[in-house]
Amino acid sequence: MIGYVTLGTNDLPRAATFYDSLLAEIGAGRLWEFERGIAWGTSADAPSLGIMLPFDGKPATVGNGTMAGIQVATRDAVSRLHAKALELGGLNEGPVGERGPDFFAGYFRDLDGNKLAVFSMA
């Protein structure tokens, strides 16, 4: 159902460096880019993640209660991606671990404060 998720940034080059390195860990690369934003994914017909400068020209802000989830195939991939996010300067918002039956996840904030989850249902 979800085609893409867009997160705001106030520093597109910095965000691009973070997401280039982070999403390369799961085989995702840039699908498109233009002056105000970039989107990453594994293919044009799969969900993607975009980072954008706000269209209205006002500063990007973080929504309280807003979070995007990145699904990966294995628990090991959850651990690797979460660790990579922290290595790149992201903030830990919840350590990697069981969150329920067949749901393994870790939570972090990117360099702009956007909250993301990385999870596996395996």
PDB file of N, CA and C in Angstrom:
ATOM      1  N   MET A   1       0.816  -1.192   0.000  1.00  0.00           N
ATOM      2  CA  MET A   1       0.000   0.000   0.000  1.00  0.00           C
ATOM      3  C   MET A   1       0.863   1.261   0.000  1.00  0.00           C
ATOM      4  N   ILE A   2       1.926   1.299   0.783  1.00  0.00           N
ATOM      5  CA  ILE A   2       2.781   2.482   0.839  1.00  0.00           C
ATOM      6  C   ILE A   2       3.694   2.497  -0.385  1.00  0.00           C
ATOM      7  N   GLY A   3       3.695   3.603  -1.088  1.00  0.00           N
ATOM      8  CA  GLY A   3       4.566   3.756  -2.248  1.00  0.00           C
ATOM      9  C   GLY A   3       5.886   4.403  -1.893  1.00  0.00           C
ATOM     10  N   TYR A   4       5.825   5.403  -1.013  1.00  0.00           N
ATOM     11  CA  TYR A   4       7.037   6.065  -0.547  1.00  0.00           C
ATOM     12  C   TYR A   4       6.749   6.836   0.729  1.00  0.00           C
ATOM     13  N   VAL A   5       7.801   7.136   1.464  1.00  0.00           N
ATOM     14  CA  VAL A   5       7.750   7.966   2.659  1.00  0.00           C
ATOM     15  C   VAL A   5       8.730   9.099   2.429  1.00  0.00           C
ATOM     16  N   THR A   6       8.340  10.310   2.772  1.00  0.00           N
ATOM     17  CA  THR A   6       9.217  11.466   2.646  1.00  0.00           C
ATOM     18  C   THR A   6       9.479  12.048   4.027  1.00  0.00           C
ATOM     19  N   LEU A   7      10.743  12.310   4.324  1.00  0.00           N
ATOM     20  CA  LEU A   7      11.156  12.953   5.562  1.00  0.00           C
ATOM     21  C   LEU A   7      11.788  14.294   5.228  1.00  0.00           C
ATOM     22  N   GLY A   8      11.614  15.257   6.101  1.00  0.00           N
ATOM     23  CA  GLY A   8      12.177  16.577   5.869  1.00  0.00           C
ATOM     24  C   GLY A   8      13.611  16.688   6.341  1.00  0.00           C
ATOM     25  N   THR A   9      14.351  17.579   5.694  1.00  0.00           N
ATOM     26  CA  THR A   9      15.713  17.893   6.105  1.00  0.00           C
ATOM     27  C   THR A   9      15.938  19.387   5.939  1.00  0.00           C
ATOM     28  N   ASN A  10      16.862  19.905   6.719  1.00  0.00           N
ATOM     29  CA  ASN A  10      17.310  21.293   6.565  1.00  0.00           C
ATOM     30  C   ASN A  10      18.702  21.353   5.956  1.00  0.00           C
ATOM     31  N   ASP A  11      19.317  20.190   5.716  1.00  0.00           N
ATOM     32  CA  ASP A  11      20.666  20.112   5.164  1.00  0.00           C
ATOM     33  C   ASP A  11      20.718  18.913   4.226  1.00  0.00           C
ATOM     34  N   LEU A  12      20.316  19.112   2.979  1.00  0.00           N
ATOM     35  CA  LEU A  12      20.209  18.014   2.021  1.00  0.00           C
ATOM     36  C   LEU A  12      21.546  17.301   1.790  1.00  0.00           C
ATOM     37  N   PRO A  13      22.679  18.004   1.606  1.00  0.00           N
ATOM     38  CA  PRO A  13      23.934  17.272   1.410  1.00  0.00           C
ATOM     39  C   PRO A  13      24.296  16.372   2.592  1.00  0.00           C
ATOM     40  N   ARG A  14      24.092  16.848   3.809  1.00  0.00           N
ATOM     41  CA  ARG A  14      24.393  16.045   4.999  1.00  0.00           C
ATOM     42  C   ARG A  14      23.461  14.837   5.074  1.00  0.00           C
ATOM     43  N   ALA A  15      22.176  15.052   4.833  1.00  0.00           N
ATOM     44  CA  ALA A  15      21.212  13.950   4.852  1.00  0.00           C
ATOM     45  C   ALA A  15      21.539  12.940   3.752  1.00  0.00           C
ATOM     46  N   ALA A  16      21.937  13.414   2.587  1.00  0.00           N
ATOM     47  CA  ALA A  16      22.274  12.519   1.475  1.00  0.00           C
ATOM     48  C   ALA A  16      23.440  11.616   1.841  1.00  0.00           C
ATOM     49  N   THR A  17      24.456  12.156   2.472  1.00  0.00           N
ATOM     50  CA  THR A  17      25.608  11.353   2.893  1.00  0.00           C
ATOM     51  C   THR A  17      25.171  10.281   3.886  1.00  0.00           C
ATOM     52  N   PHE A  18      24.342  10.668   4.866  1.00  0.00           N
ATOM     53  CA  PHE A  18      23.836   9.726   5.869  1.00  0.00           C
ATOM     54  C   PHE A  18      23.065   8.594   5.199  1.00  0.00           C
ATOM     55  N   TYR A  19      22.084   8.925   4.356  1.00  0.00           N
ATOM     56  CA  TYR A  19      21.236   7.896   3.751  1.00  0.00           C
ATOM     57  C   TYR A  19      21.939   7.104   2.657  1.00  0.00           C
ATOM     58  N   ASP A  20      22.880   7.702   1.932  1.00  0.00           N
ATOM     59  CA  ASP A  20      23.668   6.924   0.969  1.00  0.00           C
ATOM     60  C   ASP A  20      24.378   5.777   1.687  1.00  0.00           C
ATOM     61  N   SER A  21      25.037   6.088   2.797  1.00  0.00           N
ATOM     62  CA  SER A  21      25.775   5.070   3.545  1.00  0.00           C
ATOM     63  C   SER A  21      24.848   4.093   4.244  1.00  0.00           C
ATOM     64  N   LEU A  22      23.811   4.605   4.880  1.00  0.00           N
ATOM     65  CA  LEU A  22      22.898   3.753   5.629  1.00  0.00           C
ATOM     66  C   LEU A  22      22.175   2.769   4.720  1.00  0.00           C
ATOM     67  N   LEU A  23      21.561   3.263   3.666  1.00  0.00           N
ATOM     68  CA  LEU A  23      20.715   2.411   2.840  1.00  0.00           C
ATOM     69  C   LEU A  23      21.500   1.509   1.901  1.00  0.00           C
ATOM     70  N   ALA A  24      22.770   1.822   1.676  1.00  0.00           N
ATOM     71  CA  ALA A  24      23.636   0.905   0.921  1.00  0.00           C
ATOM     72  C   ALA A  24      23.758  -0.428   1.658  1.00  0.00           C
ATOM     73  N   GLU A  25      23.612  -0.401   2.983  1.00  0.00           N
ATOM     74  CA  GLU A  25      23.687  -1.617   3.796  1.00  0.00           C
ATOM     75  C   GLU A  25      22.612  -2.626   3.425  1.00  0.00           C
ATOM     76  N   ILE A  26      21.503  -2.172   2.858  1.00  0.00           N
ATOM     77  CA  ILE A  26      20.419  -3.092   2.481  1.00  0.00           C
ATOM     78  C   ILE A  26      20.211  -3.116   0.969  1.00  0.00           C
ATOM     79  N   GLY A  27      21.209  -2.666   0.234  1.00  0.00           N
ATOM     80  CA  GLY A  27      21.146  -2.741  -1.216  1.00  0.00           C
ATOM     81  C   GLY A  27      20.297  -1.685  -1.882  1.00  0.00           C
ATOM     82  N   ALA A  28      19.950  -0.628  -1.156  1.00  0.00           N
ATOM     83  CA  ALA A  28      19.156   0.455  -1.737  1.00  0.00           C
ATOM     84  C   ALA A  28      20.080   1.560  -2.239  1.00  0.00           C
ATOM     85  N   GLY A  29      19.712   2.154  -3.342  1.00  0.00           N
ATOM     86  CA  GLY A  29      20.471   3.259  -3.913  1.00  0.00           C
ATOM     87  C   GLY A  29      19.544   4.372  -4.339  1.00  0.00           C
ATOM     88  N   ARG A  30      20.123   5.434  -4.826  1.00  0.00           N
ATOM     89  CA  ARG A  30      19.324   6.572  -5.281  1.00  0.00           C
ATOM     90  C   ARG A  30      18.493   6.188  -6.502  1.00  0.00           C
ATOM     91  N   LEU A  31      17.191   6.448  -6.395  1.00  0.00           N
ATOM     92  CA  LEU A  31      16.291   6.212  -7.520  1.00  0.00           C
ATOM     93  C   LEU A  31      16.092   7.481  -8.333  1.00  0.00           C
ATOM     94  N   TRP A  32      16.028   8.621  -7.651  1.00  0.00           N
ATOM     95  CA  TRP A  32      15.896   9.910  -8.319  1.00  0.00           C
ATOM     96  C   TRP A  32      16.392  10.997  -7.397  1.00  0.00           C
ATOM     97  N   GLU A  33      16.766  12.091  -8.003  1.00  0.00           N
ATOM     98  CA  GLU A  33      17.164  13.260  -7.220  1.00  0.00           C
ATOM     99  C   GLU A  33      16.950  14.515  -8.047  1.00  0.00           C
ATOM    100  N   PHE A  34      16.645  15.568  -7.345  1.00  0.00           N
ATOM    101  CA  PHE A  34      16.520  16.872  -7.961  1.00  0.00           C
ATOM    102  C   PHE A  34      16.901  17.905  -6.914  1.00  0.00           C
ATOM    103  N   GLU A  35      16.793  19.166  -7.231  1.00  0.00           N
ATOM    104  CA  GLU A  35      17.296  20.240  -6.382  1.00  0.00           C
ATOM    105  C   GLU A  35      16.815  20.172  -4.938  1.00  0.00           C
ATOM    106  N   ARG A  36      15.568  19.762  -4.705  1.00  0.00           N
ATOM    107  CA  ARG A  36      14.999  19.772  -3.355  1.00  0.00           C
ATOM    108  C   ARG A  36      15.004  18.423  -2.658  1.00  0.00           C
ATOM    109  N   GLY A  37      15.396  17.349  -3.336  1.00  0.00           N
ATOM    110  CA  GLY A  37      15.309  16.071  -2.655  1.00  0.00           C
ATOM    111  C   GLY A  37      15.914  14.904  -3.392  1.00  0.00           C
ATOM    112  N   ILE A  38      15.955  13.790  -2.660  1.00  0.00           N
ATOM    113  CA  ILE A  38      16.518  12.536  -3.157  1.00  0.00           C
ATOM    114  C   ILE A  38      15.635  11.410  -2.630  1.00  0.00           C
ATOM    115  N   ALA A  39      15.465  10.354  -3.423  1.00  0.00           N
ATOM    116  CA  ALA A  39      14.760   9.159  -2.962  1.00  0.00           C
ATOM    117  C   ALA A  39      15.644   7.937  -3.182  1.00  0.00           C
ATOM    118  N   TRP A  40      15.588   7.021  -2.225  1.00  0.00           N
ATOM    119  CA  TRP A  40      16.345   5.774  -2.281  1.00  0.00           C
ATOM    120  C   TRP A  40      15.379   4.605  -2.291  1.00  0.00           C
ATOM    121  N   GLY A  41      15.792   3.527  -2.922  1.00  0.00           N
ATOM    122  CA  GLY A  41      15.000   2.308  -2.932  1.00  0.00           C
ATOM    123  C   GLY A  41      15.783   1.192  -3.585  1.00  0.00           C
ATOM    124  N   THR A  42      15.138   0.041  -3.664  1.00  0.00           N
ATOM    125  CA  THR A  42      15.777  -1.106  -4.301  1.00  0.00           C
ATOM    126  C   THR A  42      15.340  -1.260  -5.749  1.00  0.00           C
ATOM    127  N   SER A  43      14.204  -0.665  -6.111  1.00  0.00           N
ATOM    128  CA  SER A  43      13.741  -0.642  -7.498  1.00  0.00           C
ATOM    129  C   SER A  43      12.634   0.397  -7.619  1.00  0.00           C
ATOM    130  N   ALA A  44      12.354   0.803  -8.838  1.00  0.00           N
ATOM    131  CA  ALA A  44      11.336   1.829  -9.064  1.00  0.00           C
ATOM    132  C   ALA A  44       9.926   1.344  -8.744  1.00  0.00           C
ATOM    133  N   ASP A  45       9.716   0.030  -8.690  1.00  0.00           N
ATOM    134  CA  ASP A  45       8.373  -0.483  -8.410  1.00  0.00           C
ATOM    135  C   ASP A  45       8.226  -0.996  -6.973  1.00  0.00           C
ATOM    136  N   ALA A  46       9.175  -0.642  -6.099  1.00  0.00           N
ATOM    137  CA  ALA A  46       9.101  -0.998  -4.674  1.00  0.00           C
ATOM    138  C   ALA A  46       9.030   0.291  -3.850  1.00  0.00           C
ATOM    139  N   PRO A  47       8.572   0.216  -2.612  1.00  0.00           N
ATOM    140  CA  PRO A  47       8.522   1.421  -1.775  1.00  0.00           C
ATOM    141  C   PRO A  47       9.881   2.099  -1.666  1.00  0.00           C
ATOM    142  N   SER A  48       9.863   3.415  -1.519  1.00  0.00           N
ATOM    143  CA  SER A  48      11.111   4.174  -1.425  1.00  0.00           C
ATOM    144  C   SER A  48      11.040   5.153  -0.257  1.00  0.00           C
ATOM    145  N   LEU A  49      12.209   5.688   0.093  1.00  0.00           N
ATOM    146  CA  LEU A  49      12.346   6.671   1.155  1.00  0.00           C
ATOM    147  C   LEU A  49      12.939   7.934   0.554  1.00  0.00           C
ATOM    148  N   GLY A  50      12.262   9.062   0.724  1.00  0.00           N
ATOM    149  CA  GLY A  50      12.737  10.335   0.195  1.00  0.00           C
ATOM    150  C   GLY A  50      13.114  11.290   1.308  1.00  0.00           C
ATOM    151  N   ILE A  51      14.120  12.095   1.052  1.00  0.00           N
ATOM    152  CA  ILE A  51      14.529  13.172   1.948  1.00  0.00           C
ATOM    153  C   ILE A  51      14.374  14.460   1.156  1.00  0.00           C
ATOM    154  N   MET A  52      13.636  15.418   1.725  1.00  0.00           N
ATOM    155  CA  MET A  52      13.302  16.621   0.970  1.00  0.00           C
ATOM    156  C   MET A  52      13.480  17.892   1.796  1.00  0.00           C
ATOM    157  N   LEU A  53      13.872  18.948   1.115  1.00  0.00           N
ATOM    158  CA  LEU A  53      13.749  20.283   1.688  1.00  0.00           C
ATOM    159  C   LEU A  53      12.275  20.647   1.572  1.00  0.00           C
ATOM    160  N   PRO A  54      11.654  21.199   2.608  1.00  0.00           N
ATOM    161  CA  PRO A  54      10.222  21.498   2.543  1.00  0.00           C
ATOM    162  C   PRO A  54       9.860  22.402   1.365  1.00  0.00           C
ATOM    163  N   PHE A  55       8.770  22.064   0.704  1.00  0.00           N
ATOM    164  CA  PHE A  55       8.299  22.798  -0.459  1.00  0.00           C
ATOM    165  C   PHE A  55       7.977  24.250  -0.128  1.00  0.00           C
ATOM    166  N   ASP A  56       7.456  24.495   1.079  1.00  0.00           N
ATOM    167  CA  ASP A  56       7.048  25.854   1.440  1.00  0.00           C
ATOM    168  C   ASP A  56       8.213  26.766   1.835  1.00  0.00           C
ATOM    169  N   GLY A  57       9.433  26.227   1.847  1.00  0.00           N
ATOM    170  CA  GLY A  57      10.611  27.033   2.163  1.00  0.00           C
ATOM    171  C   GLY A  57      10.840  27.251   3.646  1.00  0.00           C
ATOM    172  N   LYS A  58       9.926  26.786   4.478  1.00  0.00           N
ATOM    173  CA  LYS A  58      10.087  26.904   5.927  1.00  0.00           C
ATOM    174  C   LYS A  58      10.978  25.766   6.423  1.00  0.00           C
ATOM    175  N   PRO A  59      11.523  25.887   7.636  1.00  0.00           N
ATOM    176  CA  PRO A  59      12.384  24.820   8.161  1.00  0.00           C
ATOM    177  C   PRO A  59      11.630  23.494   8.305  1.00  0.00           C
ATOM    178  N   ALA A  60      12.354  22.403   8.044  1.00  0.00           N
ATOM    179  CA  ALA A  60      11.805  21.070   8.294  1.00  0.00           C
ATOM    180  C   ALA A  60      11.719  20.879   9.797  1.00  0.00           C
ATOM    181  N   THR A  61      10.648  20.262  10.250  1.00  0.00           N
ATOM    182  CA  THR A  61      10.476  19.944  11.665  1.00  0.00           C
ATOM    183  C   THR A  61      10.116  18.468  11.789  1.00  0.00           C
ATOM    184  N   VAL A  62      10.319  17.933  12.986  1.00  0.00           N
ATOM    185  CA  VAL A  62      10.045  16.526  13.258  1.00  0.00           C
ATOM    186  C   VAL A  62       8.643  16.405  13.845  1.00  0.00           C
ATOM    187  N   GLY A  63       7.840  15.526  13.314  1.00  0.00           N
ATOM    188  CA  GLY A  63       6.502  15.302  13.831  1.00  0.00           C
ATOM    189  C   GLY A  63       6.519  14.401  15.053  1.00  0.00           C
ATOM    190  N   ASN A  64       5.909  14.834  16.138  1.00  0.00           N
ATOM    191  CA  ASN A  64       5.811  14.019  17.334  1.00  0.00           C
ATOM    192  C   ASN A  64       4.872  12.855  17.065  1.00  0.00           C
ATOM    193  N   GLY A  65       5.367  11.650  17.209  1.00  0.00           N
ATOM    194  CA  GLY A  65       4.572  10.462  16.933  1.00  0.00           C
ATOM    195  C   GLY A  65       4.726   9.956  15.503  1.00  0.00           C
ATOM    196  N   THR A  66       5.489  10.653  14.680  1.00  0.00           N
ATOM    197  CA  THR A  66       5.714  10.240  13.303  1.00  0.00           C
ATOM    198  C   THR A  66       6.946   9.348  13.229  1.00  0.00           C
ATOM    199  N   MET A  67       6.840   8.246  12.497  1.00  0.00           N
ATOM    200  CA  MET A  67       7.963   7.332  12.347  1.00  0.00           C
ATOM    201  C   MET A  67       7.805   6.574  11.041  1.00  0.00           C
ATOM    202  N   ALA A  68       8.916   6.342  10.368  1.00  0.00           N
ATOM    203  CA  ALA A  68       8.938   5.507   9.169  1.00  0.00           C
ATOM    204  C   ALA A  68       9.635   4.200   9.524  1.00  0.00           C
ATOM    205  N   GLY A  69       9.152   3.090   8.980  1.00  0.00           N
ATOM    206  CA  GLY A  69       9.748   1.779   9.233  1.00  0.00           C
ATOM    207  C   GLY A  69      10.413   1.238   7.987  1.00  0.00           C
ATOM    208  N   ILE A  70      11.621   0.710   8.161  1.00  0.00           N
ATOM    209  CA  ILE A  70      12.368   0.084   7.070  1.00  0.00           C
ATOM    210  C   ILE A  70      12.389  -1.413   7.344  1.00  0.00           C
ATOM    211  N   GLN A  71      11.730  -2.197   6.500  1.00  0.00           N
ATOM    212  CA  GLN A  71      11.690  -3.645   6.685  1.00  0.00           C
ATOM    213  C   GLN A  71      12.880  -4.291   6.000  1.00  0.00           C
ATOM    214  N   VAL A  72      13.537  -5.206   6.726  1.00  0.00           N
ATOM    215  CA  VAL A  72      14.655  -5.974   6.196  1.00  0.00           C
ATOM    216  C   VAL A  72      14.343  -7.458   6.387  1.00  0.00           C
ATOM    217  N   ALA A  73      15.144  -8.314   5.760  1.00  0.00           N
ATOM    218  CA  ALA A  73      14.816  -9.740   5.716  1.00  0.00           C
ATOM    219  C   ALA A  73      15.182 -10.510   6.976  1.00  0.00           C
ATOM    220  N   THR A  74      16.216 -10.077   7.693  1.00  0.00           N
ATOM    221  CA  THR A  74      16.709 -10.883   8.811  1.00  0.00           C
ATOM    222  C   THR A  74      16.963 -10.040  10.056  1.00  0.00           C
ATOM    223  N   ARG A  75      17.061 -10.709  11.182  1.00  0.00           N
ATOM    224  CA  ARG A  75      17.406 -10.047  12.437  1.00  0.00           C
ATOM    225  C   ARG A  75      18.823  -9.486  12.368  1.00  0.00           C
ATOM    226  N   ASP A  76      19.715 -10.205  11.711  1.00  0.00           N
ATOM    227  CA  ASP A  76      21.076  -9.711  11.545  1.00  0.00           C
ATOM    228  C   ASP A  76      21.083  -8.388  10.780  1.00  0.00           C
ATOM    229  N   ALA A  77      20.243  -8.294   9.760  1.00  0.00           N
ATOM    230  CA  ALA A  77      20.159  -7.046   8.996  1.00  0.00           C
ATOM    231  C   ALA A  77      19.615  -5.914   9.861  1.00  0.00           C
ATOM    232  N   VAL A  78      18.683  -6.213  10.760  1.00  0.00           N
ATOM    233  CA  VAL A  78      18.185  -5.200  11.694  1.00  0.00           C
ATOM    234  C   VAL A  78      19.348  -4.672  12.528  1.00  0.00           C
ATOM    235  N   SER A  79      20.109  -5.574  13.095  1.00  0.00           N
ATOM    236  CA  SER A  79      21.242  -5.191  13.948  1.00  0.00           C
ATOM    237  C   SER A  79      22.271  -4.377  13.174  1.00  0.00           C
ATOM    238  N   ARG A  80      22.595  -4.817  11.959  1.00  0.00           N
ATOM    239  CA  ARG A  80      23.593  -4.110  11.139  1.00  0.00           C
ATOM    240  C   ARG A  80      23.130  -2.702  10.778  1.00  0.00           C
ATOM    241  N   LEU A  81      21.879  -2.564  10.345  1.00  0.00           N
ATOM    242  CA  LEU A  81      21.381  -1.254   9.918  1.00  0.00           C
ATOM    243  C   LEU A  81      21.258  -0.300  11.104  1.00  0.00           C
ATOM    244  N   HIS A  82      20.794  -0.785  12.226  1.00  0.00           N
ATOM    245  CA  HIS A  82      20.688   0.038  13.432  1.00  0.00           C
ATOM    246  C   HIS A  82      22.073   0.513  13.854  1.00  0.00           C
ATOM    247  N   ALA A  83      23.040  -0.394  13.875  1.00  0.00           N
ATOM    248  CA  ALA A  83      24.415  -0.032  14.254  1.00  0.00           C
ATOM    249  C   ALA A  83      24.999   0.981  13.271  1.00  0.00           C
ATOM    250  N   LYS A  84      24.721   0.810  11.989  1.00  0.00           N
ATOM    251  CA  LYS A  84      25.227   1.741  10.969  1.00  0.00           C
ATOM    252  C   LYS A  84      24.642   3.131  11.180  1.00  0.00           C
ATOM    253  N   ALA A  85      23.350   3.204  11.489  1.00  0.00           N
ATOM    254  CA  ALA A  85      22.720   4.503  11.735  1.00  0.00           C
ATOM    255  C   ALA A  85      23.411   5.223  12.887  1.00  0.00           C
ATOM    256  N   LEU A  86      23.708   4.508  13.958  1.00  0.00           N
ATOM    257  CA  LEU A  86      24.379   5.123  15.111  1.00  0.00           C
ATOM    258  C   LEU A  86      25.812   5.511  14.770  1.00  0.00           C
ATOM    259  N   GLU A  87      26.490   4.671  14.001  1.00  0.00           N
ATOM    260  CA  GLU A  87      27.858   4.970  13.550  1.00  0.00           C
ATOM    261  C   GLU A  87      27.901   6.254  12.725  1.00  0.00           C
ATOM    262  N   LEU A  88      26.851   6.498  11.951  1.00  0.00           N
ATOM    263  CA  LEU A  88      26.785   7.689  11.095  1.00  0.00           C
ATOM    264  C   LEU A  88      26.326   8.940  11.838  1.00  0.00           C
ATOM    265  N   GLY A  89      26.080   8.817  13.135  1.00  0.00           N
ATOM    266  CA  GLY A  89      25.690   9.976  13.932  1.00  0.00           C
ATOM    267  C   GLY A  89      24.235  10.010  14.331  1.00  0.00           C
ATOM    268  N   GLY A  90      23.465   8.997  13.956  1.00  0.00           N
ATOM    269  CA  GLY A  90      22.077   8.914  14.389  1.00  0.00           C
ATOM    270  C   GLY A  90      21.994   8.662  15.885  1.00  0.00           C
ATOM    271  N   LEU A  91      20.848   8.923  16.462  1.00  0.00           N
ATOM    272  CA  LEU A  91      20.635   8.735  17.901  1.00  0.00           C
ATOM    273  C   LEU A  91      19.789   7.496  18.162  1.00  0.00           C
ATOM    274  N   ASN A  92      20.178   6.733  19.167  1.00  0.00           N
ATOM    275  CA  ASN A  92      19.456   5.524  19.542  1.00  0.00           C
ATOM    276  C   ASN A  92      18.127   5.896  20.192  1.00  0.00           C
ATOM    277  N   GLU A  93      17.033   5.395  19.631  1.00  0.00           N
ATOM    278  CA  GLU A  93      15.699   5.633  20.183  1.00  0.00           C
ATOM    279  C   GLU A  93      15.080   4.352  20.710  1.00  0.00           C
ATOM    280  N   GLY A  94      15.843   3.279  20.730  1.00  0.00           N
ATOM    281  CA  GLY A  94      15.368   1.992  21.237  1.00  0.00           C
ATOM    282  C   GLY A  94      16.275   0.902  20.717  1.00  0.00           C
ATOM    283  N   PRO A  95      16.923   0.169  21.623  1.00  0.00           N
ATOM    284  CA  PRO A  95      17.879  -0.844  21.188  1.00  0.00           C
ATOM    285  C   PRO A  95      17.225  -1.957  20.385  1.00  0.00           C
ATOM    286  N   VAL A  96      18.031  -2.649  19.636  1.00  0.00           N
ATOM    287  CA  VAL A  96      17.582  -3.785  18.837  1.00  0.00           C
ATOM    288  C   VAL A  96      17.118  -4.891  19.773  1.00  0.00           C
ATOM    289  N   GLY A  97      15.969  -5.468  19.451  1.00  0.00           N
ATOM    290  CA  GLY A  97      15.474  -6.579  20.249  1.00  0.00           C
ATOM    291  C   GLY A  97      14.063  -6.979  19.874  1.00  0.00           C
ATOM    292  N   GLU A  98      13.564  -8.002  20.566  1.00  0.00           N
ATOM    293  CA  GLU A  98      12.190  -8.491  20.372  1.00  0.00           C
ATOM    294  C   GLU A  98      11.199  -7.426  20.803  1.00  0.00           C
ATOM    295  N   ARG A  99      10.210  -7.186  19.995  1.00  0.00           N
ATOM    296  CA  ARG A  99       9.144  -6.248  20.347  1.00  0.00           C
ATOM    297  C   ARG A  99       7.790  -6.947  20.403  1.00  0.00           C
ATOM    298  N   GLY A 100       7.772  -8.215  20.084  1.00  0.00           N
ATOM    299  CA  GLY A 100       6.556  -9.009  20.084  1.00  0.00           C
ATOM    300  C   GLY A 100       6.819 -10.274  19.297  1.00  0.00           C
ATOM    301  N   PRO A 101       5.849 -11.159  19.251  1.00  0.00           N
ATOM    302  CA  PRO A 101       6.041 -12.393  18.491  1.00  0.00           C
ATOM    303  C   PRO A 101       6.399 -12.088  17.030  1.00  0.00           C
ATOM    304  N   ASP A 102       7.520 -12.625  16.605  1.00  0.00           N
ATOM    305  CA  ASP A 102       7.970 -12.480  15.211  1.00  0.00           C
ATOM    306  C   ASP A 102       8.182 -11.026  14.782  1.00  0.00           C
ATOM    307  N   PHE A 103       8.460 -10.139  15.729  1.00  0.00           N
ATOM    308  CA  PHE A 103       8.743  -8.741  15.390  1.00  0.00           C
ATOM    309  C   PHE A 103      10.011  -8.326  16.124  1.00  0.00           C
ATOM    310  N   PHE A 104      11.092  -8.118  15.364  1.00  0.00           N
ATOM    311  CA  PHE A 104      12.409  -7.781  15.884  1.00  0.00           C
ATOM    312  C   PHE A 104      12.766  -6.416  15.321  1.00  0.00           C
ATOM    313  N   ALA A 105      13.100  -5.455  16.187  1.00  0.00           N
ATOM    314  CA  ALA A 105      13.273  -4.079  15.704  1.00  0.00           C
ATOM    315  C   ALA A 105      14.286  -3.302  16.530  1.00  0.00           C
ATOM    316  N   GLY A 106      14.763  -2.225  15.939  1.00  0.00           N
ATOM    317  CA  GLY A 106      15.564  -1.211  16.605  1.00  0.00           C
ATOM    318  C   GLY A 106      15.106   0.143  16.090  1.00  0.00           C
ATOM    319  N   TYR A 107      15.278   1.169  16.896  1.00  0.00           N
ATOM    320  CA  TYR A 107      14.771   2.499  16.561  1.00  0.00           C
ATOM    321  C   TYR A 107      15.891   3.519  16.652  1.00  0.00           C
ATOM    322  N   PHE A 108      15.858   4.508  15.754  1.00  0.00           N
ATOM    323  CA  PHE A 108      16.875   5.562  15.762  1.00  0.00           C
ATOM    324  C   PHE A 108      16.317   6.839  15.171  1.00  0.00           C
ATOM    325  N   ARG A 109      17.023   7.930  15.417  1.00  0.00           N
ATOM    326  CA  ARG A 109      16.719   9.212  14.778  1.00  0.00           C
ATOM    327  C   ARG A 109      17.858   9.549  13.833  1.00  0.00           C
ATOM    328  N   ASP A 110      17.505  10.085  12.666  1.00  0.00           N
ATOM    329  CA  ASP A 110      18.529  10.504  11.712  1.00  0.00           C
ATOM    330  C   ASP A 110      19.120  11.840  12.149  1.00  0.00           C
ATOM    331  N   LEU A 111      19.957  12.419  11.324  1.00  0.00           N
ATOM    332  CA  LEU A 111      20.667  13.645  11.680  1.00  0.00           C
ATOM    333  C   LEU A 111      19.755  14.854  11.796  1.00  0.00           C
ATOM    334  N   ASP A 112      18.545  14.785  11.224  1.00  0.00           N
ATOM    335  CA  ASP A 112      17.567  15.863  11.341  1.00  0.00           C
ATOM    336  C   ASP A 112      16.557  15.612  12.455  1.00  0.00           C
ATOM    337  N   GLY A 113      16.667  14.476  13.148  1.00  0.00           N
ATOM    338  CA  GLY A 113      15.753  14.155  14.231  1.00  0.00           C
ATOM    339  C   GLY A 113      14.552  13.326  13.819  1.00  0.00           C
ATOM    340  N   ASN A 114      14.473  12.915  12.551  1.00  0.00           N
ATOM    341  CA  ASN A 114      13.380  12.064  12.096  1.00  0.00           C
ATOM    342  C   ASN A 114      13.537  10.671  12.721  1.00  0.00           C
ATOM    343  N   LYS A 115      12.438  10.103  13.230  1.00  0.00           N
ATOM    344  CA  LYS A 115      12.484   8.790  13.864  1.00  0.00           C
ATOM    345  C   LYS A 115      12.191   7.700  12.846  1.00  0.00           C
ATOM    346  N   LEU A 116      13.051   6.675  12.861  1.00  0.00           N
ATOM    347  CA  LEU A 116      12.888   5.525  11.987  1.00  0.00           C
ATOM    348  C   LEU A 116      13.008   4.244  12.797  1.00  0.00           C
ATOM    349  N   ALA A 117      12.359   3.211  12.296  1.00  0.00           N
ATOM    350  CA  ALA A 117      12.504   1.875  12.837  1.00  0.00           C
ATOM    351  C   ALA A 117      13.089   1.008  11.746  1.00  0.00           C
ATOM    352  N   VAL A 118      13.913   0.074  12.117  1.00  0.00           N
ATOM    353  CA  VAL A 118      14.338  -0.979  11.203  1.00  0.00           C
ATOM    354  C   VAL A 118      13.825  -2.271  11.836  1.00  0.00           C
ATOM    355  N   PHE A 119      13.144  -3.106  11.036  1.00  0.00           N
ATOM    356  CA  PHE A 119      12.510  -4.276  11.616  1.00  0.00           C
ATOM    357  C   PHE A 119      12.510  -5.466  10.672  1.00  0.00           C
ATOM    358  N   SER A 120      12.339  -6.636  11.292  1.00  0.00           N
ATOM    359  CA  SER A 120      12.198  -7.882  10.549  1.00  0.00           C
ATOM    360  C   SER A 120      11.044  -8.659  11.161  1.00  0.00           C
ATOM    361  N   MET A 121      10.268  -9.286  10.321  1.00  0.00           N
ATOM    362  CA  MET A 121       9.155 -10.115  10.785  1.00  0.00           C
ATOM    363  C   MET A 121       9.538 -11.592  10.793  1.00  0.00           C
ATOM    364  N   ALA A 122      10.798 -11.896  10.546  1.00  0.00           N
ATOM    365  CA  ALA A 122      11.263 -13.284  10.491  1.00  0.00           C
ATOM    366  C   ALA A 122      11.666 -13.793  11.859  1.00  0.00           C
TER     367      ALA A 122
END
